[in-house]
Amino acid sequence: MFADPGEPDRGDEPGAGEERMSKVDHVGIAVNALSDSVPLYEALLGTPPSGREVVESEGVRVAFFGEGAGRVELLEPTAADSPVARFLERRGPGLHHVCLVVDDLDAALAGAADRGAEPLPPGIRVGAGGRRVAFLHPRSTGGVLLEMVEAEPDPRAESP
């Protein structure tokens, strides 16, 4: 999962009990206001948003463009103390995170932590679309906030 640059590539086979993160689910872009950003992305991408929702656990209102892997997610903070609001205050609008799909989030998070990645509290939570997600701190992932999302929605989660 987190390769040592000094080690040879071992191909596509994960180790015993190791969860492989291999597909980009979406990229998250922090914006000040969806009302300003959605029309811009509609014009750039030639399509309206494929979905919108409020993700209470993250304090954001989101708009997705596209379906399946490789979507674009615009994130607008719903509160001044949310992580995205703090990001915008420090860095301004722009790329916020990259989200990778995993089959087993528990195993992927444990494996990432075993290899030195720092999970962000509270660990696993319910994200957009009712799917289980977890984030890895950028200081432990080469400066990129990584989100891991389980491939299927959590049947125990309430529908958004």
C-alpha atoms as a PDB file:
ATOM      1  CA  MET A   1       0.000   0.000   0.000  1.00  0.00           C
ATOM      2  CA  PHE A   2       2.720   2.487   0.965  1.00  0.00           C
ATOM      3  CA  ALA A   3       5.734   1.379  -0.990  1.00  0.00           C
ATOM      4  CA  ASP A   4       9.241   1.998   0.235  1.00  0.00           C
ATOM      5  CA  PRO A   5      10.963   3.883  -2.614  1.00  0.00           C
ATOM      6  CA  GLY A   6      14.050   1.714  -2.088  1.00  0.00           C
ATOM      7  CA  GLU A   7      12.144  -1.542  -2.588  1.00  0.00           C
ATOM      8  CA  PRO A   8      11.397  -3.058  -5.997  1.00  0.00           C
ATOM      9  CA  ASP A   9       7.824  -2.965  -7.265  1.00  0.00           C
ATOM     10  CA  ARG A  10       6.089  -6.188  -6.287  1.00  0.00           C
ATOM     11  CA  GLY A  11       3.336  -5.853  -8.883  1.00  0.00           C
ATOM     12  CA  ASP A  12      -0.367  -5.778  -8.201  1.00  0.00           C
ATOM     13  CA  GLU A  13      -0.516  -8.469  -5.532  1.00  0.00           C
ATOM     14  CA  PRO A  14      -1.133  -7.177  -2.002  1.00  0.00           C
ATOM     15  CA  GLY A  15       0.585  -8.962   0.857  1.00  0.00           C
ATOM     16  CA  ALA A  16      -1.234 -11.317   3.163  1.00  0.00           C
ATOM     17  CA  GLY A  17      -4.092  -9.482   4.824  1.00  0.00           C
ATOM     18  CA  GLU A  18      -3.190  -6.224   3.055  1.00  0.00           C
ATOM     19  CA  GLU A  19      -5.847  -4.102   1.392  1.00  0.00           C
ATOM     20  CA  ARG A  20      -4.832  -2.471  -1.906  1.00  0.00           C
ATOM     21  CA  MET A  21      -5.900   1.086  -2.758  1.00  0.00           C
ATOM     22  CA  SER A  22      -5.841   1.236  -6.516  1.00  0.00           C
ATOM     23  CA  LYS A  23      -8.645   3.309  -8.000  1.00  0.00           C
ATOM     24  CA  VAL A  24      -9.426   6.993  -7.630  1.00  0.00           C
ATOM     25  CA  ASP A  25     -13.051   7.415  -6.589  1.00  0.00           C
ATOM     26  CA  HIS A  26     -13.009  11.204  -6.745  1.00  0.00           C
ATOM     27  CA  VAL A  27     -11.012  14.366  -6.201  1.00  0.00           C
ATOM     28  CA  GLY A  28     -12.347  16.872  -3.693  1.00  0.00           C
ATOM     29  CA  ILE A  29     -12.094  20.584  -4.412  1.00  0.00           C
ATOM     30  CA  ALA A  30     -12.718  23.100  -1.620  1.00  0.00           C
ATOM     31  CA  VAL A  31     -14.824  26.082  -2.698  1.00  0.00           C
ATOM     32  CA  ASN A  32     -16.164  29.095  -0.866  1.00  0.00           C
ATOM     33  CA  ALA A  33     -19.680  28.741  -2.274  1.00  0.00           C
ATOM     34  CA  LEU A  34     -21.347  26.089  -4.396  1.00  0.00           C
ATOM     35  CA  SER A  35     -23.579  28.802  -5.831  1.00  0.00           C
ATOM     36  CA  ASP A  36     -20.515  30.364  -7.481  1.00  0.00           C
ATOM     37  CA  SER A  37     -18.579  27.188  -8.295  1.00  0.00           C
ATOM     38  CA  VAL A  38     -21.266  24.856  -9.662  1.00  0.00           C
ATOM     39  CA  PRO A  39     -21.980  27.052 -12.726  1.00  0.00           C
ATOM     40  CA  LEU A  40     -18.239  27.256 -13.472  1.00  0.00           C
ATOM     41  CA  TYR A  41     -17.813  23.464 -13.302  1.00  0.00           C
ATOM     42  CA  GLU A  42     -21.029  22.924 -15.307  1.00  0.00           C
ATOM     43  CA  ALA A  43     -19.526  25.087 -18.058  1.00  0.00           C
ATOM     44  CA  LEU A  44     -16.070  23.457 -17.842  1.00  0.00           C
ATOM     45  CA  LEU A  45     -17.332  19.866 -17.715  1.00  0.00           C
ATOM     46  CA  GLY A  46     -20.371  20.344 -19.940  1.00  0.00           C
ATOM     47  CA  THR A  47     -22.751  18.682 -17.521  1.00  0.00           C
ATOM     48  CA  PRO A  48     -24.791  19.538 -14.422  1.00  0.00           C
ATOM     49  CA  PRO A  49     -23.968  17.991 -11.042  1.00  0.00           C
ATOM     50  CA  SER A  50     -24.824  14.311 -10.770  1.00  0.00           C
ATOM     51  CA  GLY A  51     -25.691  14.682  -7.089  1.00  0.00           C
ATOM     52  CA  ARG A  52     -25.749  17.046  -4.136  1.00  0.00           C
ATOM     53  CA  GLU A  53     -25.966  16.445  -0.412  1.00  0.00           C
ATOM     54  CA  VAL A  54     -24.985  17.717   3.010  1.00  0.00           C
ATOM     55  CA  VAL A  55     -22.442  15.567   4.858  1.00  0.00           C
ATOM     56  CA  GLU A  56     -23.045  16.474   8.490  1.00  0.00           C
ATOM     57  CA  SER A  57     -20.079  14.445   9.791  1.00  0.00           C
ATOM     58  CA  GLU A  58     -17.672  16.626   7.761  1.00  0.00           C
ATOM     59  CA  GLY A  59     -19.554  19.932   7.972  1.00  0.00           C
ATOM     60  CA  VAL A  60     -19.849  20.292   4.191  1.00  0.00           C
ATOM     61  CA  ARG A  61     -22.339  20.706   1.421  1.00  0.00           C
ATOM     62  CA  VAL A  62     -21.156  18.807  -1.679  1.00  0.00           C
ATOM     63  CA  ALA A  63     -21.895  18.644  -5.381  1.00  0.00           C
ATOM     64  CA  PHE A  64     -20.575  15.730  -7.444  1.00  0.00           C
ATOM     65  CA  PHE A  65     -19.891  15.805 -11.161  1.00  0.00           C
ATOM     66  CA  GLY A  66     -19.776  12.519 -13.056  1.00  0.00           C
ATOM     67  CA  GLU A  67     -20.608   8.946 -12.149  1.00  0.00           C
ATOM     68  CA  GLY A  68     -18.423   6.148 -10.836  1.00  0.00           C
ATOM     69  CA  ALA A  69     -14.656   6.408 -10.570  1.00  0.00           C
ATOM     70  CA  GLY A  70     -12.956   9.711 -11.337  1.00  0.00           C
ATOM     71  CA  ARG A  71     -15.723  12.060 -10.196  1.00  0.00           C
ATOM     72  CA  VAL A  72     -15.176  15.659  -9.095  1.00  0.00           C
ATOM     73  CA  GLU A  73     -16.552  16.664  -5.683  1.00  0.00           C
ATOM     74  CA  LEU A  74     -16.976  20.331  -4.793  1.00  0.00           C
ATOM     75  CA  LEU A  75     -16.981  20.966  -1.027  1.00  0.00           C
ATOM     76  CA  GLU A  76     -18.516  24.045   0.599  1.00  0.00           C
ATOM     77  CA  PRO A  77     -18.219  24.392   4.390  1.00  0.00           C
ATOM     78  CA  THR A  78     -21.441  24.587   6.394  1.00  0.00           C
ATOM     79  CA  ALA A  79     -19.736  25.949   9.513  1.00  0.00           C
ATOM     80  CA  ALA A  80     -16.809  28.302  10.161  1.00  0.00           C
ATOM     81  CA  ASP A  81     -15.033  25.680  12.297  1.00  0.00           C
ATOM     82  CA  SER A  82     -15.299  22.775   9.845  1.00  0.00           C
ATOM     83  CA  PRO A  83     -12.130  21.223   8.395  1.00  0.00           C
ATOM     84  CA  VAL A  84     -12.934  22.573   4.918  1.00  0.00           C
ATOM     85  CA  ALA A  85     -13.534  26.085   6.304  1.00  0.00           C
ATOM     86  CA  ARG A  86     -10.144  25.958   8.030  1.00  0.00           C
ATOM     87  CA  PHE A  87      -8.550  24.703   4.806  1.00  0.00           C
ATOM     88  CA  LEU A  88     -10.071  27.602   2.838  1.00  0.00           C
ATOM     89  CA  GLU A  89      -8.894  30.103   5.459  1.00  0.00           C
ATOM     90  CA  ARG A  90      -5.301  28.821   5.279  1.00  0.00           C
ATOM     91  CA  ARG A  91      -4.973  27.934   1.594  1.00  0.00           C
ATOM     92  CA  GLY A  92      -7.942  29.322  -0.322  1.00  0.00           C
ATOM     93  CA  PRO A  93     -10.019  27.371  -2.832  1.00  0.00           C
ATOM     94  CA  GLY A  94      -8.430  24.412  -4.579  1.00  0.00           C
ATOM     95  CA  LEU A  95      -7.598  20.735  -4.448  1.00  0.00           C
ATOM     96  CA  HIS A  96      -8.538  19.444  -0.997  1.00  0.00           C
ATOM     97  CA  HIS A  97      -8.161  15.655  -1.187  1.00  0.00           C
ATOM     98  CA  VAL A  98      -7.870  12.561  -3.341  1.00  0.00           C
ATOM     99  CA  CYS A  99     -10.212   9.688  -2.527  1.00  0.00           C
ATOM    100  CA  LEU A 100      -9.192   6.075  -3.178  1.00  0.00           C
ATOM    101  CA  VAL A 101     -11.549   3.078  -3.242  1.00  0.00           C
ATOM    102  CA  VAL A 102     -10.907   0.080  -0.985  1.00  0.00           C
ATOM    103  CA  ASP A 103     -12.923  -3.113  -0.554  1.00  0.00           C
ATOM    104  CA  ASP A 104     -12.314  -3.400   3.198  1.00  0.00           C
ATOM    105  CA  LEU A 105     -11.889  -0.048   4.946  1.00  0.00           C
ATOM    106  CA  ASP A 106     -11.020  -1.585   8.318  1.00  0.00           C
ATOM    107  CA  ALA A 107      -8.129  -3.550   6.795  1.00  0.00           C
ATOM    108  CA  ALA A 108      -6.970  -0.637   4.629  1.00  0.00           C
ATOM    109  CA  LEU A 109      -6.899   1.786   7.563  1.00  0.00           C
ATOM    110  CA  ALA A 110      -5.066  -0.701   9.793  1.00  0.00           C
ATOM    111  CA  GLY A 111      -2.558  -1.439   7.027  1.00  0.00           C
ATOM    112  CA  ALA A 112      -1.965   2.251   6.346  1.00  0.00           C
ATOM    113  CA  ALA A 113      -1.377   2.911  10.054  1.00  0.00           C
ATOM    114  CA  ASP A 114       1.007  -0.069  10.259  1.00  0.00           C
ATOM    115  CA  ARG A 115       3.032   1.519   7.454  1.00  0.00           C
ATOM    116  CA  GLY A 116       3.279   4.895   9.163  1.00  0.00           C
ATOM    117  CA  ALA A 117       0.253   6.773   7.830  1.00  0.00           C
ATOM    118  CA  GLU A 118      -1.608   8.831  10.412  1.00  0.00           C
ATOM    119  CA  PRO A 119      -5.393   8.334  10.421  1.00  0.00           C
ATOM    120  CA  LEU A 120      -7.359  11.479  11.211  1.00  0.00           C
ATOM    121  CA  PRO A 121      -9.819  11.291  14.105  1.00  0.00           C
ATOM    122  CA  PRO A 122     -12.410   9.995  14.520  1.00  0.00           C
ATOM    123  CA  GLY A 123     -11.203   7.266  12.164  1.00  0.00           C
ATOM    124  CA  ILE A 124     -13.939   5.522  10.206  1.00  0.00           C
ATOM    125  CA  ARG A 125     -17.159   7.475   9.706  1.00  0.00           C
ATOM    126  CA  VAL A 126     -20.065   7.745   7.273  1.00  0.00           C
ATOM    127  CA  GLY A 127     -19.384  10.057   4.339  1.00  0.00           C
ATOM    128  CA  ALA A 128     -21.204  11.109   1.178  1.00  0.00           C
ATOM    129  CA  GLY A 129     -23.597   8.553  -0.263  1.00  0.00           C
ATOM    130  CA  GLY A 130     -23.726   6.654   3.038  1.00  0.00           C
ATOM    131  CA  ARG A 131     -20.324   5.087   2.344  1.00  0.00           C
ATOM    132  CA  ARG A 132     -17.760   4.410   5.085  1.00  0.00           C
ATOM    133  CA  VAL A 133     -14.722   6.708   4.814  1.00  0.00           C
ATOM    134  CA  ALA A 134     -11.501   7.521   6.647  1.00  0.00           C
ATOM    135  CA  PHE A 135      -8.818  10.155   6.069  1.00  0.00           C
ATOM    136  CA  LEU A 136      -5.027  10.011   6.315  1.00  0.00           C
ATOM    137  CA  HIS A 137      -3.142  13.117   7.461  1.00  0.00           C
ATOM    138  CA  PRO A 138      -1.135  14.849   4.713  1.00  0.00           C
ATOM    139  CA  ARG A 139       2.006  14.998   6.842  1.00  0.00           C
ATOM    140  CA  SER A 140       2.145  11.201   6.637  1.00  0.00           C
ATOM    141  CA  THR A 141       1.209  10.858   2.956  1.00  0.00           C
ATOM    142  CA  GLY A 142       3.601  13.180   1.153  1.00  0.00           C
ATOM    143  CA  GLY A 143       1.528  16.326   1.588  1.00  0.00           C
ATOM    144  CA  VAL A 144      -1.748  14.969   0.167  1.00  0.00           C
ATOM    145  CA  LEU A 145      -4.892  14.469   2.237  1.00  0.00           C
ATOM    146  CA  LEU A 146      -6.016  10.967   1.294  1.00  0.00           C
ATOM    147  CA  GLU A 147      -9.537   9.752   1.816  1.00  0.00           C
ATOM    148  CA  MET A 148     -10.293   6.058   1.645  1.00  0.00           C
ATOM    149  CA  VAL A 149     -13.827   5.013   0.808  1.00  0.00           C
ATOM    150  CA  GLU A 150     -15.327   1.571   1.027  1.00  0.00           C
ATOM    151  CA  ALA A 151     -16.590   0.322  -2.321  1.00  0.00           C
ATOM    152  CA  GLU A 152     -20.181  -0.195  -1.182  1.00  0.00           C
ATOM    153  CA  PRO A 153     -22.467   1.926   1.039  1.00  0.00           C
ATOM    154  CA  ASP A 154     -22.700   0.829   4.672  1.00  0.00           C
ATOM    155  CA  PRO A 155     -26.120  -0.865   5.014  1.00  0.00           C
ATOM    156  CA  ARG A 156     -26.167   0.213   8.688  1.00  0.00           C
ATOM    157  CA  ALA A 157     -25.882   3.913   7.737  1.00  0.00           C
ATOM    158  CA  GLU A 158     -28.886   6.147   7.495  1.00  0.00           C
ATOM    159  CA  SER A 159     -29.659   7.321   3.993  1.00  0.00           C
ATOM    160  CA  PRO A 160     -28.630  10.944   3.403  1.00  0.00           C
END
